[in-house]
Protein backbone atom coordinates (compact mmCIF):
# COMPACT_ATOMS: atom_id res chain seq x y z
CA UNK A 1 -18.93 -22.99 -16.56
CA UNK A 2 -18.35 -25.07 -13.31
CA UNK A 3 -19.98 -23.30 -10.43
CA UNK A 4 -18.17 -25.24 -7.63
CA UNK A 5 -15.49 -22.29 -7.19
CA UNK A 6 -18.31 -19.62 -6.80
CA UNK A 7 -20.20 -21.99 -4.39
CA UNK A 8 -16.94 -21.93 -2.29
CA UNK A 9 -16.75 -18.19 -2.35
CA UNK A 10 -20.51 -18.16 -1.42
CA UNK A 11 -19.92 -20.86 1.55
CA UNK A 12 -17.16 -18.57 2.90
CA UNK A 13 -19.93 -16.41 3.97
CA UNK A 14 -21.49 -19.29 6.36
CA UNK A 15 -18.58 -20.65 8.25
CA UNK A 16 -19.45 -20.05 11.96
CA UNK A 17 -15.97 -20.56 13.65
CA UNK A 18 -14.19 -17.56 14.75
CA UNK A 19 -11.00 -17.72 16.88
CA UNK A 20 -8.31 -15.39 17.97
CA UNK A 21 -5.91 -14.10 16.62
CA UNK A 22 -7.44 -14.27 13.10
CA UNK A 23 -11.16 -14.23 13.27
CA UNK A 24 -11.96 -14.65 9.55
CA UNK A 25 -9.34 -17.11 8.73
CA UNK A 26 -11.91 -19.74 8.18
CA UNK A 27 -13.92 -17.65 6.20
CA UNK A 28 -11.16 -16.65 4.06
CA UNK A 29 -9.68 -19.96 3.67
CA UNK A 30 -12.70 -21.01 1.76
CA UNK A 31 -12.58 -17.82 -0.44
CA UNK A 32 -8.68 -18.78 -1.22
CA UNK A 33 -9.88 -22.36 -2.00
CA UNK A 34 -12.25 -21.03 -4.19
CA UNK A 35 -10.04 -19.25 -6.44
CA UNK A 36 -7.48 -22.13 -6.50
CA UNK A 37 -10.24 -24.57 -7.68
CA UNK A 38 -11.20 -22.18 -10.39
CA UNK A 39 -7.59 -21.88 -11.68
CA UNK A 40 -7.21 -25.69 -11.38
CA UNK A 41 -10.23 -26.40 -13.34
CA UNK A 42 -9.43 -23.79 -15.89
CA UNK A 43 -5.64 -23.30 -16.16
CA UNK A 44 -5.86 -21.52 -19.34
CA UNK A 45 -6.81 -18.25 -17.72
CA UNK A 46 -3.32 -17.91 -16.47
CA UNK A 47 -2.29 -17.24 -20.22
CA UNK A 48 -4.20 -14.18 -20.41
CA UNK A 49 -3.52 -10.51 -19.44
CA UNK A 50 -5.34 -7.14 -19.44
CA UNK A 51 -4.24 -3.68 -18.25
CA UNK A 52 -4.52 -4.75 -14.57
CA UNK A 53 -1.71 -7.09 -15.22
CA UNK A 54 0.82 -4.30 -15.55
CA UNK A 55 -0.70 -2.67 -12.41
CA UNK A 56 -0.37 -5.78 -10.29
CA UNK A 57 3.47 -6.08 -11.28
CA UNK A 58 3.94 -2.50 -10.28
CA UNK A 59 2.21 -3.21 -6.80
CA UNK A 60 4.66 -6.41 -6.34
CA UNK A 61 7.53 -4.31 -7.27
CA UNK A 62 6.47 -1.44 -4.71
CA UNK A 63 6.45 -4.17 -2.09
CA UNK A 64 9.96 -5.39 -2.91
CA UNK A 65 11.22 -1.82 -2.71
CA UNK A 66 9.61 -0.98 0.47
CA UNK A 67 10.93 -4.20 1.89
CA UNK A 68 14.60 -3.42 1.15
CA UNK A 69 13.87 0.28 2.29
CA UNK A 70 13.14 -1.11 5.81
CA UNK A 71 9.45 -0.11 5.60
CA UNK A 72 8.06 -3.25 7.24
CA UNK A 73 8.61 -4.15 10.70
CA UNK A 74 7.71 -7.85 9.92
CA UNK A 75 7.84 -9.82 6.64
CA UNK A 76 4.40 -11.31 7.38
CA UNK A 77 2.74 -8.03 6.68
CA UNK A 78 4.05 -8.33 3.02
CA UNK A 79 3.42 -12.03 2.83
CA UNK A 80 -0.28 -11.52 3.88
CA UNK A 81 -0.47 -8.72 1.36
CA UNK A 82 0.92 -10.91 -1.30
CA UNK A 83 -1.55 -13.71 -0.89
CA UNK A 84 -4.42 -11.51 -0.69
CA UNK A 85 -3.61 -8.98 -3.70
CA UNK A 86 -2.44 -12.00 -5.69
CA UNK A 87 -5.70 -14.15 -4.79
CA UNK A 88 -7.85 -11.05 -6.01
CA UNK A 89 -5.70 -10.88 -9.18
CA UNK A 90 -6.46 -14.42 -9.97
CA UNK A 91 -10.19 -14.07 -9.32
CA UNK A 92 -10.16 -11.12 -11.72
CA UNK A 93 -8.43 -13.22 -14.31
CA UNK A 94 -10.98 -16.03 -13.61
CA UNK A 95 -13.92 -13.44 -14.40
CA UNK A 96 -12.09 -11.98 -17.38
CA UNK A 97 -11.60 -15.25 -19.16
CA UNK A 98 -15.19 -16.28 -19.01
CA UNK A 99 -17.71 -16.52 -21.72
CA UNK A 100 -21.42 -16.58 -21.82
CA UNK A 101 -21.53 -14.10 -19.23
CA UNK A 102 -25.33 -13.82 -18.93
CA UNK A 103 -25.52 -17.44 -17.71
CA UNK A 104 -22.44 -17.12 -15.36
CA UNK A 105 -23.95 -13.93 -13.67
CA UNK A 106 -27.36 -15.66 -13.32
CA UNK A 107 -25.73 -18.72 -11.50
CA UNK A 108 -23.55 -16.20 -9.30
CA UNK A 109 -26.80 -14.18 -8.47
CA UNK A 110 -28.56 -17.44 -7.39
CA UNK A 111 -25.64 -18.33 -5.19
CA UNK A 112 -25.50 -14.82 -3.68
CA UNK A 113 -29.30 -15.17 -2.84
CA UNK A 114 -28.62 -18.51 -1.33
CA UNK A 115 -25.74 -17.40 0.77
CA UNK A 116 -27.62 -14.19 1.55
CA UNK A 117 -30.75 -16.08 2.44
CA UNK A 118 -29.20 -18.36 4.84
CA UNK A 119 -27.37 -15.58 6.43
CA UNK A 120 -30.37 -13.42 6.84
CA UNK A 121 -32.01 -16.61 8.69
CA UNK A 122 -28.88 -16.86 10.81
CA UNK A 123 -28.86 -13.15 11.70
CA UNK A 124 -32.54 -13.43 12.68
CA UNK A 125 -31.63 -16.36 15.01
CA UNK A 126 -28.99 -14.08 16.63
CA UNK A 127 -31.51 -11.26 17.01
CA UNK A 128 -33.93 -13.53 18.98
CA UNK A 129 -31.15 -14.71 20.90
CA UNK A 130 -31.43 -18.39 20.12
CA UNK A 131 -28.50 -20.63 19.41
CA UNK A 132 -27.24 -23.56 17.17
CA UNK A 133 -23.87 -24.95 16.66
CA UNK A 134 -24.40 -23.71 13.01
CA UNK A 135 -24.73 -20.14 14.04
CA UNK A 136 -21.79 -17.82 15.31
CA UNK A 137 -22.20 -16.70 18.75
CA UNK A 138 -23.67 -13.28 19.57
CA UNK A 139 -21.77 -10.25 19.90
CA UNK A 140 -21.25 -8.33 23.13
CA UNK A 141 -23.03 -5.42 21.11
CA UNK A 142 -25.96 -7.68 20.72
CA UNK A 143 -26.20 -6.86 16.92
CA UNK A 144 -26.64 -9.36 14.31
CA UNK A 145 -23.72 -10.69 12.54
CA UNK A 146 -24.47 -13.60 10.69
CA UNK A 147 -21.72 -16.12 10.43
CA UNK A 148 -19.43 -13.23 9.49
CA UNK A 149 -18.67 -12.37 12.99
CA UNK A 150 -18.85 -8.54 11.85
CA UNK A 151 -22.18 -6.67 11.65
CA UNK A 152 -21.21 -4.14 9.01
CA UNK A 153 -20.00 -6.82 6.73
CA UNK A 154 -23.11 -8.80 7.50
CA UNK A 155 -25.12 -5.67 6.54
CA UNK A 156 -23.16 -5.22 3.25
CA UNK A 157 -23.74 -8.81 2.38
CA UNK A 158 -27.56 -8.25 2.88
CA UNK A 159 -27.25 -5.28 0.43
CA UNK A 160 -25.64 -7.33 -2.05
CA UNK A 161 -28.49 -9.85 -1.80
CA UNK A 162 -30.84 -6.84 -2.13
CA UNK A 163 -28.95 -5.83 -5.28
CA UNK A 164 -29.29 -9.52 -6.64
CA UNK A 165 -33.06 -9.14 -6.18
CA UNK A 166 -33.12 -5.96 -8.24
CA UNK A 167 -31.13 -7.68 -11.01
CA UNK A 168 -33.41 -10.97 -11.10
CA UNK A 169 -36.47 -8.72 -10.95
CA UNK A 170 -35.21 -6.61 -13.83
CA UNK A 171 -34.49 -9.80 -15.90
CA UNK A 172 -38.00 -11.18 -15.32
CA UNK A 173 -36.62 -14.14 -13.28
CA UNK A 174 -38.71 -13.30 -10.14
CA UNK A 175 -42.14 -11.84 -9.64
CA UNK A 176 -42.98 -8.55 -8.04
CA UNK A 177 -44.27 -10.21 -4.98
CA UNK A 178 -41.32 -12.29 -4.39
CA UNK A 179 -39.00 -9.14 -5.16
CA UNK A 180 -40.79 -7.17 -2.41
CA UNK A 181 -41.19 -9.96 0.13
CA UNK A 182 -37.52 -10.93 0.07
CA UNK A 183 -36.37 -7.39 0.01
CA UNK A 184 -38.42 -6.77 3.33
CA UNK A 185 -36.64 -9.96 4.82
CA UNK A 186 -33.45 -8.75 3.68
CA UNK A 187 -34.11 -5.23 4.86
CA UNK A 188 -34.95 -6.53 8.34
CA UNK A 189 -31.60 -8.44 8.49
CA UNK A 190 -29.81 -5.09 7.61
CA UNK A 191 -31.81 -3.31 10.34
CA UNK A 192 -30.94 -5.93 13.15
CA UNK A 193 -27.26 -5.44 12.30
CA UNK A 194 -27.58 -1.72 13.44
CA UNK A 195 -25.50 -0.60 10.48
CA UNK A 196 -26.04 2.87 8.99
CA UNK A 197 -23.99 2.53 6.00
CA UNK A 198 -26.79 0.70 3.99
CA UNK A 199 -28.74 4.01 3.59
CA UNK A 200 -25.92 5.42 1.74
CA UNK A 201 -25.57 2.04 -0.47
CA UNK A 202 -29.32 2.48 -1.19
CA UNK A 203 -28.78 6.12 -2.62
CA UNK A 204 -26.29 4.41 -4.81
CA UNK A 205 -28.22 1.39 -6.16
CA UNK A 206 -31.23 3.52 -7.01
CA UNK A 207 -29.39 6.44 -8.45
CA UNK A 208 -27.28 4.01 -10.71
CA UNK A 209 -30.43 2.16 -11.57
CA UNK A 210 -32.09 5.29 -12.84
CA UNK A 211 -29.03 6.04 -14.77
CA UNK A 212 -28.80 2.91 -16.45
CA UNK A 213 -32.51 2.72 -17.33
CA UNK A 214 -32.15 6.29 -18.87
CA UNK A 215 -29.13 5.12 -20.92
CA UNK A 216 -30.90 2.22 -22.28
CA UNK A 217 -34.02 4.41 -22.77
CA UNK A 218 -36.30 1.90 -20.68
CA UNK A 219 -38.72 2.87 -18.03
CA UNK A 220 -37.84 3.26 -14.42
CA UNK A 221 -40.35 1.00 -12.55
CA UNK A 222 -41.86 2.72 -9.35
CA UNK A 223 -41.58 -0.73 -7.74
CA UNK A 224 -37.80 0.03 -7.57
CA UNK A 225 -38.53 2.26 -4.58
CA UNK A 226 -40.43 -0.25 -2.47
CA UNK A 227 -37.13 -1.91 -0.88
CA UNK A 228 -36.05 1.51 -0.02
CA UNK A 229 -39.40 2.47 1.66
CA UNK A 230 -39.42 -0.74 3.55
CA UNK A 231 -35.99 -0.22 4.74
CA UNK A 232 -36.65 3.38 6.22
CA UNK A 233 -39.84 2.12 7.90
CA UNK A 234 -38.23 -1.16 9.65
CA UNK A 235 -35.27 1.15 10.50
CA UNK A 236 -37.53 3.63 12.31
CA UNK A 237 -39.55 0.84 13.75
CA UNK A 238 -36.73 -1.32 15.10
CA UNK A 239 -36.42 -0.12 18.53
CA UNK A 240 -40.44 -0.43 19.12
CA UNK A 241 -40.35 -3.77 17.71
CA UNK A 242 -37.68 -4.70 20.18
CA UNK A 243 -39.57 -3.27 22.92
CA UNK A 244 -42.76 -5.14 22.10
CA UNK A 245 -40.83 -8.57 22.03
CA UNK A 246 -38.89 -7.54 25.06
CA UNK A 247 -35.50 -7.80 23.40
CA UNK A 248 -34.50 -3.99 23.95
CA UNK A 249 -32.29 -2.36 26.45
CA UNK A 250 -30.77 1.09 26.89
CA UNK A 251 -28.43 0.73 23.82
CA UNK A 252 -30.95 0.14 21.19
CA UNK A 253 -31.82 3.57 20.32
CA UNK A 254 -28.11 4.06 19.15
CA UNK A 255 -29.30 3.07 15.70
CA UNK A 256 -31.21 6.15 15.21
CA UNK A 257 -29.55 8.52 17.87
CA UNK A 258 -25.93 7.03 17.60
CA UNK A 259 -22.67 9.02 17.27
CA UNK A 260 -21.53 9.56 13.80
CA UNK A 261 -18.22 11.41 14.49
CA UNK A 262 -15.95 8.39 15.38
CA UNK A 263 -14.65 7.90 11.73
CA UNK A 264 -13.96 11.62 11.28
CA UNK A 265 -11.88 11.56 14.54
CA UNK A 266 -9.79 8.63 13.25
CA UNK A 267 -9.16 10.45 9.92
CA UNK A 268 -8.24 13.65 11.43
CA UNK A 269 -5.87 11.75 13.84
CA UNK A 270 -4.11 9.99 10.82
CA UNK A 271 -3.35 13.46 9.05
CA UNK A 272 -0.08 13.75 10.78
CA UNK A 273 0.69 10.36 9.83
CA UNK A 274 0.43 11.05 6.27
CA UNK A 275 2.32 14.50 6.54
CA UNK A 276 5.23 12.93 8.26
CA UNK A 277 5.06 9.75 5.79
CA UNK A 278 8.30 8.85 4.02
CA UNK A 279 7.89 8.52 0.44
CA UNK A 280 7.37 4.71 0.46
CA UNK A 281 4.71 5.09 3.31
CA UNK A 282 4.38 2.75 6.00
CA UNK A 283 3.78 -0.54 4.13
CA UNK A 284 0.82 -2.39 3.40
CA UNK A 285 -1.03 -3.27 6.70
CA UNK A 286 1.07 -0.57 8.45
CA UNK A 287 -1.82 1.73 9.64
CA UNK A 288 -1.39 0.92 13.19
CA UNK A 289 2.43 1.68 13.06
CA UNK A 290 1.50 4.99 11.27
CA UNK A 291 -1.09 6.10 13.92
CA UNK A 292 0.99 5.07 16.98
CA UNK A 293 4.14 6.74 15.56
CA UNK A 294 2.48 10.08 15.29
CA UNK A 295 0.01 9.70 17.98
CA UNK A 296 1.37 12.77 19.97
CA UNK A 297 0.85 14.98 16.87
CA UNK A 298 -2.54 14.26 16.52
CA UNK A 299 -5.11 17.31 17.23
CA UNK A 300 -7.70 14.92 18.67
CA UNK A 301 -7.48 14.33 22.59
CA UNK A 302 -8.86 10.74 22.40
CA UNK A 303 -8.06 8.53 19.30
CA UNK A 304 -9.52 4.94 18.77
CA UNK A 305 -6.77 2.46 18.23
CA UNK A 306 -7.28 1.17 14.63
CA UNK A 307 -5.46 -1.50 12.50
CA UNK A 308 -7.05 0.08 9.46
CA UNK A 309 -8.14 3.61 9.03
CA UNK A 310 -11.90 2.83 8.22
CA UNK A 311 -11.21 4.53 4.83
CA UNK A 312 -9.68 3.04 1.70
CA UNK A 313 -8.43 6.04 0.40
CA UNK A 314 -6.49 6.79 3.66
CA UNK A 315 -5.27 3.12 3.71
CA UNK A 316 -3.65 3.35 0.27
CA UNK A 317 -1.89 6.60 1.00
CA UNK A 318 -0.64 5.36 4.19
CA UNK A 319 0.30 1.85 2.79
CA UNK A 320 2.19 3.29 -0.35
CA UNK A 321 3.09 6.85 0.62
CA UNK A 322 1.22 10.08 -0.61
CA UNK A 323 2.57 10.30 -4.04
CA UNK A 324 2.18 6.55 -5.03
CA UNK A 325 -0.92 6.19 -3.05
CA UNK A 326 -2.85 9.20 -5.13
CA UNK A 327 -1.45 7.38 -8.25
CA UNK A 328 -2.89 3.97 -6.98
CA UNK A 329 -6.12 5.74 -6.28
CA UNK A 330 -6.30 7.60 -9.46
CA UNK A 331 -5.90 4.44 -11.39
CA UNK A 332 -8.89 2.83 -9.66
CA UNK A 333 -11.08 5.71 -10.03
CA UNK A 334 -10.18 5.90 -13.67
CA UNK A 335 -10.62 2.00 -14.15
CA UNK A 336 -13.79 1.65 -12.37
CA UNK A 337 -15.20 4.97 -13.36
CA UNK A 338 -15.09 4.20 -17.15
CA UNK A 339 -17.13 1.09 -16.46
CA UNK A 340 -19.69 2.67 -14.23
CA UNK A 341 -20.40 5.57 -16.84
CA UNK A 342 -20.97 3.09 -19.68
CA UNK A 343 -22.44 -0.26 -18.22
CA UNK A 344 -23.30 -2.30 -21.29
CA UNK A 345 -25.71 -4.81 -19.99
CA UNK A 346 -28.03 -5.57 -17.10
CA UNK A 347 -25.41 -7.92 -15.88
CA UNK A 348 -22.71 -5.24 -15.80
CA UNK A 349 -25.22 -3.06 -13.85
CA UNK A 350 -25.59 -5.70 -11.24
CA UNK A 351 -21.88 -6.42 -10.79
CA UNK A 352 -21.00 -2.73 -10.82
CA UNK A 353 -23.52 -2.07 -8.17
CA UNK A 354 -22.00 -4.82 -5.98
CA UNK A 355 -18.73 -3.43 -6.36
CA UNK A 356 -19.80 0.07 -5.62
CA UNK A 357 -21.76 -0.97 -2.65
CA UNK A 358 -18.38 -2.57 -1.24
CA UNK A 359 -16.60 0.55 -2.05
CA UNK A 360 -19.10 2.59 -0.02
CA UNK A 361 -18.57 0.38 2.88
CA UNK A 362 -14.70 0.50 2.44
CA UNK A 363 -15.08 4.42 2.57
CA UNK A 364 -16.25 3.94 6.19
CA UNK A 365 -14.68 0.63 7.38
CA UNK A 366 -12.46 -2.05 5.76
CA UNK A 367 -14.48 -4.93 4.10
CA UNK A 368 -11.65 -5.04 1.64
CA UNK A 369 -9.50 -6.76 4.17
CA UNK A 370 -11.57 -9.82 3.91
CA UNK A 371 -10.91 -12.39 1.07
CA UNK A 372 -14.64 -13.38 1.15
CA UNK A 373 -15.58 -10.03 -0.18
CA UNK A 374 -12.46 -9.10 -2.08
CA UNK A 375 -12.23 -12.09 -4.23
CA UNK A 376 -15.78 -11.89 -5.45
CA UNK A 377 -15.35 -8.24 -6.04
CA UNK A 378 -12.41 -8.55 -8.31
CA UNK A 379 -14.03 -11.71 -10.04
CA UNK A 380 -16.91 -9.30 -10.80
CA UNK A 381 -14.46 -6.69 -11.99
CA UNK A 382 -13.11 -9.34 -14.40
CA UNK A 383 -16.41 -10.22 -15.72
CA UNK A 384 -17.34 -6.43 -16.24
CA UNK A 385 -14.06 -5.92 -18.12
CA UNK A 386 -14.80 -8.81 -20.41
CA UNK A 387 -18.17 -7.65 -21.27
CA UNK A 388 -16.78 -4.01 -21.81
CA UNK A 389 -14.65 -5.35 -24.52
CA UNK A 390 -11.35 -5.01 -22.80
CA UNK A 391 -8.54 -6.65 -24.97
CA UNK A 392 -7.29 -9.98 -23.71
CA UNK A 393 -3.61 -10.54 -24.60
CA UNK A 394 -1.84 -13.88 -24.41
CA UNK A 395 1.28 -13.54 -22.31
CA UNK A 396 4.28 -13.90 -24.20
CA UNK A 397 6.20 -14.68 -21.14
CA UNK A 398 3.93 -16.89 -18.98
CA UNK A 399 5.17 -15.77 -15.32
CA UNK A 400 1.65 -16.23 -14.33
CA UNK A 401 1.80 -19.98 -14.29
CA UNK A 402 4.79 -20.20 -11.91
CA UNK A 403 3.37 -17.21 -9.94
CA UNK A 404 0.27 -19.26 -9.32
CA UNK A 405 2.32 -22.07 -7.99
CA UNK A 406 4.19 -19.68 -5.66
CA UNK A 407 0.89 -18.21 -4.50
CA UNK A 408 -0.55 -21.73 -3.58
CA UNK A 409 2.76 -22.87 -1.91
CA UNK A 410 2.78 -19.75 0.11
CA UNK A 411 -0.89 -19.79 1.04
CA UNK A 412 -0.63 -23.39 2.21
CA UNK A 413 2.45 -22.44 4.23
CA UNK A 414 0.56 -19.57 5.92
CA UNK A 415 -2.47 -21.63 6.59
CA UNK A 416 -0.35 -24.33 8.40
CA UNK A 417 1.64 -21.87 10.49
CA UNK A 418 -1.60 -20.10 11.48
CA UNK A 419 -3.07 -23.30 12.70
CA UNK A 420 0.00 -23.59 14.98
CA UNK A 421 -0.39 -19.73 16.03
CA UNK A 422 -4.05 -20.15 16.97
CA UNK A 423 -3.23 -23.16 19.23
CA UNK A 424 -0.34 -21.35 20.72
CA UNK A 425 -2.44 -18.14 21.15
CA UNK A 426 -5.00 -20.21 23.04
CA UNK A 427 -2.24 -21.88 25.38
CA UNK A 428 -0.56 -18.47 25.95
CA UNK A 429 -3.86 -17.16 27.21
CA UNK A 430 -4.27 -20.20 29.48
CA UNK A 431 -0.86 -19.72 30.79
CA UNK A 432 -1.32 -16.02 31.48
CA UNK A 433 -4.47 -16.67 33.40
CA UNK A 434 -2.75 -19.07 35.46
CA UNK A 435 -4.31 -22.31 34.32
CA UNK A 436 -2.65 -25.60 34.77
CA UNK A 437 -0.65 -25.95 31.48
CA UNK A 438 3.08 -26.42 31.03
CA UNK A 439 4.44 -22.82 31.10
CA UNK A 440 7.39 -24.00 29.15
CA UNK A 441 5.56 -24.85 26.04
CA UNK A 442 6.33 -22.65 22.90
CA UNK A 443 4.38 -23.88 19.97
CA UNK A 444 5.06 -21.17 17.60
CA UNK A 445 8.81 -20.65 18.35
CA UNK A 446 9.96 -22.11 15.05
CA UNK A 447 7.60 -20.44 12.70
CA UNK A 448 9.10 -18.75 9.84
CA UNK A 449 6.48 -16.61 7.82
CA UNK A 450 4.02 -15.42 10.52
CA UNK A 451 6.73 -13.79 12.53
CA UNK A 452 4.52 -10.80 13.64
CA UNK A 453 1.90 -13.21 15.07
CA UNK A 454 4.61 -15.34 16.72
CA UNK A 455 6.31 -12.30 18.29
CA UNK A 456 3.16 -10.99 19.79
CA UNK A 457 2.61 -14.38 21.55
CA UNK A 458 6.09 -14.46 22.75
CA UNK A 459 5.96 -10.91 23.98
CA UNK A 460 2.56 -11.77 25.73
CA UNK A 461 4.73 -14.27 27.87
CA UNK A 462 7.73 -12.05 28.23
CA UNK A 463 8.28 -9.82 31.39
CA UNK A 464 9.90 -6.33 31.17
CA UNK A 465 12.56 -6.06 33.78
CA UNK A 466 15.90 -4.25 34.66
CA UNK A 467 18.84 -5.04 32.80
CA UNK A 468 17.38 -5.42 29.48
CA UNK A 469 19.71 -5.06 26.32
CA UNK A 470 19.32 -2.42 23.70
CA UNK A 471 18.35 -5.19 21.38
CA UNK A 472 15.71 -6.62 23.88
CA UNK A 473 14.08 -2.96 24.20
CA UNK A 474 14.12 -2.49 20.36
CA UNK A 475 12.27 -5.70 20.12
CA UNK A 476 9.65 -4.60 22.56
CA UNK A 477 9.26 -1.38 20.65
CA UNK A 478 8.69 -3.23 17.56
CA UNK A 479 6.10 -5.60 18.87
CA UNK A 480 4.34 -2.51 20.60
CA UNK A 481 4.15 -0.27 17.59
CA UNK A 482 2.94 -3.14 15.36
CA UNK A 483 -0.02 -3.92 17.88
CA UNK A 484 -0.45 -0.98 20.30
CA UNK A 485 -2.88 -2.07 22.53
CA UNK A 486 -2.94 -0.89 26.17
CA UNK A 487 -1.15 -3.88 27.75
CA UNK A 488 1.56 -3.76 25.28
CA UNK A 489 2.19 0.02 25.59
CA UNK A 490 2.37 -0.32 29.31
CA UNK A 491 4.73 -3.36 29.31
CA UNK A 492 6.97 -1.33 27.05
CA UNK A 493 6.87 1.68 29.07
CA UNK A 494 7.73 -0.29 32.25
CA UNK A 495 10.47 -1.85 30.30
CA UNK A 496 11.79 1.80 29.52
CA UNK A 497 11.47 3.18 32.75
CA UNK A 498 13.11 0.18 34.44
CA UNK A 499 16.34 0.59 32.10
CA UNK A 500 16.97 4.30 32.63
CA UNK A 501 14.80 5.69 29.79
CA UNK A 502 12.18 7.49 31.84
CA UNK A 503 11.52 10.36 29.49
CA UNK A 504 10.60 8.00 26.66
CA UNK A 505 8.54 5.88 29.06
CA UNK A 506 6.59 8.79 29.91
CA UNK A 507 6.06 9.61 26.32
CA UNK A 508 4.63 6.28 25.53
CA UNK A 509 2.42 6.64 28.64
CA UNK A 510 0.97 9.72 27.00
CA UNK A 511 0.21 7.74 24.01
CA UNK A 512 -1.54 5.06 26.14
CA UNK A 513 -3.40 7.94 27.49
CA UNK A 514 -4.69 9.01 24.22
CA UNK A 515 -5.67 5.59 23.04
CA UNK A 516 -7.81 4.46 25.97
CA UNK A 517 -10.55 5.79 28.27
CA UNK A 518 -9.72 7.98 31.19
CA UNK A 519 -10.40 5.15 33.83
CA UNK A 520 -8.11 2.71 31.81
CA UNK A 521 -5.37 5.07 31.66
CA UNK A 522 -5.65 5.80 35.49
CA UNK A 523 -5.58 2.10 36.10
CA UNK A 524 -2.50 1.50 34.00
CA UNK A 525 -0.55 4.80 35.28
CA UNK A 526 -1.07 3.55 38.79
CA UNK A 527 0.57 0.02 38.17
CA UNK A 528 3.34 1.89 35.85
CA UNK A 529 4.39 4.06 38.86
CA UNK A 530 4.37 1.45 41.52
CA UNK A 531 6.48 -1.14 39.11
CA UNK A 532 9.03 1.71 38.49
CA UNK A 533 9.26 2.69 42.20
CA UNK A 534 9.45 -0.76 43.33
CA UNK A 535 11.61 -2.12 40.40
CA UNK A 536 9.20 -4.80 39.94
CA UNK A 537 9.27 -6.89 36.74
CA UNK A 538 5.71 -7.13 35.09
């Protein structure tokens, strides 16, 4: 097997560049490139299908139905869903079509160890507040993020690296000393990310390892507990180590004493959105629309604005509608559950452990939104299915070949448009801050696919004023409901108030109050009142 595609997937974890409005674009670009290179090197994989192929067709059909039923505010939502899900499907086919799985998985494990090891060092550099052009800048929270730019994603990558150590140690490829030493190093990287999800992931790893060993009638080594013990010790010692090294501040103890209720509040706040959902849901990527539309029905007094529900199950139900969402969830539970109950080999155990680690994270956040996790996970599922003896079928109607070219064409088009969006977003911020740039420049005005991103930049340059038409107000609403940040809600509320729709304006301001801290609401409500009283455009 050519390892270049897998190397590209691993390199996607190491790109240090993150820019608004799409922080993970350059990381995900390499993940997309990895899938495309794999298919280009082995195009025969497009001639085979499994049961997942039928499911993929169902999902694509759902998007078409949702689109023609007016579910989506913007076509960019469905386009991005298409390239991510299609890329994941092709990654699955790449894994499913492979042979000599033990060798393939061994190469993958080495690459994960390489990518994880470099990321571990990057995280330690960030923790020590050092700098390098090859290292992503520190976050405002001070947490280690590696070059992923997100601390919880970084922690999951470190847990993948620890699972890899279990696999290599179980296969006899590394010694006890190397197993323990590297696990301590990766555990420290997990700790300085200040993520709490890894404790749940560790419970899964050890429980699944014990289950697998029992099935194989092989002894369960007590050495397997050493990484967990070292993690707990480092976790509890972290604030004191920081204090000794003069790296601490008053926020560091939140690792042990933090608030665990934020996710629950988000989920409770989204229950009205599920209950009020239409049959077809809110569309893929429509969580923010679902939340904001039903915000005043939420029993929670203060709600965090989210673009994802921080729970994969909630996401699927909101995206697809309750009935179809539960069917999709049922499919995945049945499909993955069967593999988990009967892992055939140590390779299957390793890959399934990585997949479930990602799913555990997905129950509390949204790692599946990133191609650098999504594509490797589906590649692993493909390998597991191949090992499980899932029957390959030659496609009687080879639609996957033209589909691959459509996928490549749209992905390239999206990438090209995004580079314009990124530059125009940078320009817009400069214009709004009063820098000496041409205020008439509109780089993204002619873009076709990324209409949501284009409209947000246009909205940020637009002023609310008297005499706005119904079409203009509807457009303001569409942008605001798609991206309900405080300044968007405020501007839309002023637009409504200046155009004789004060009751609606006050209702939108109530939503702003629910989504923001009291001092922020007071700030915006003060300027809202004066803008309306003075008839001032903003």
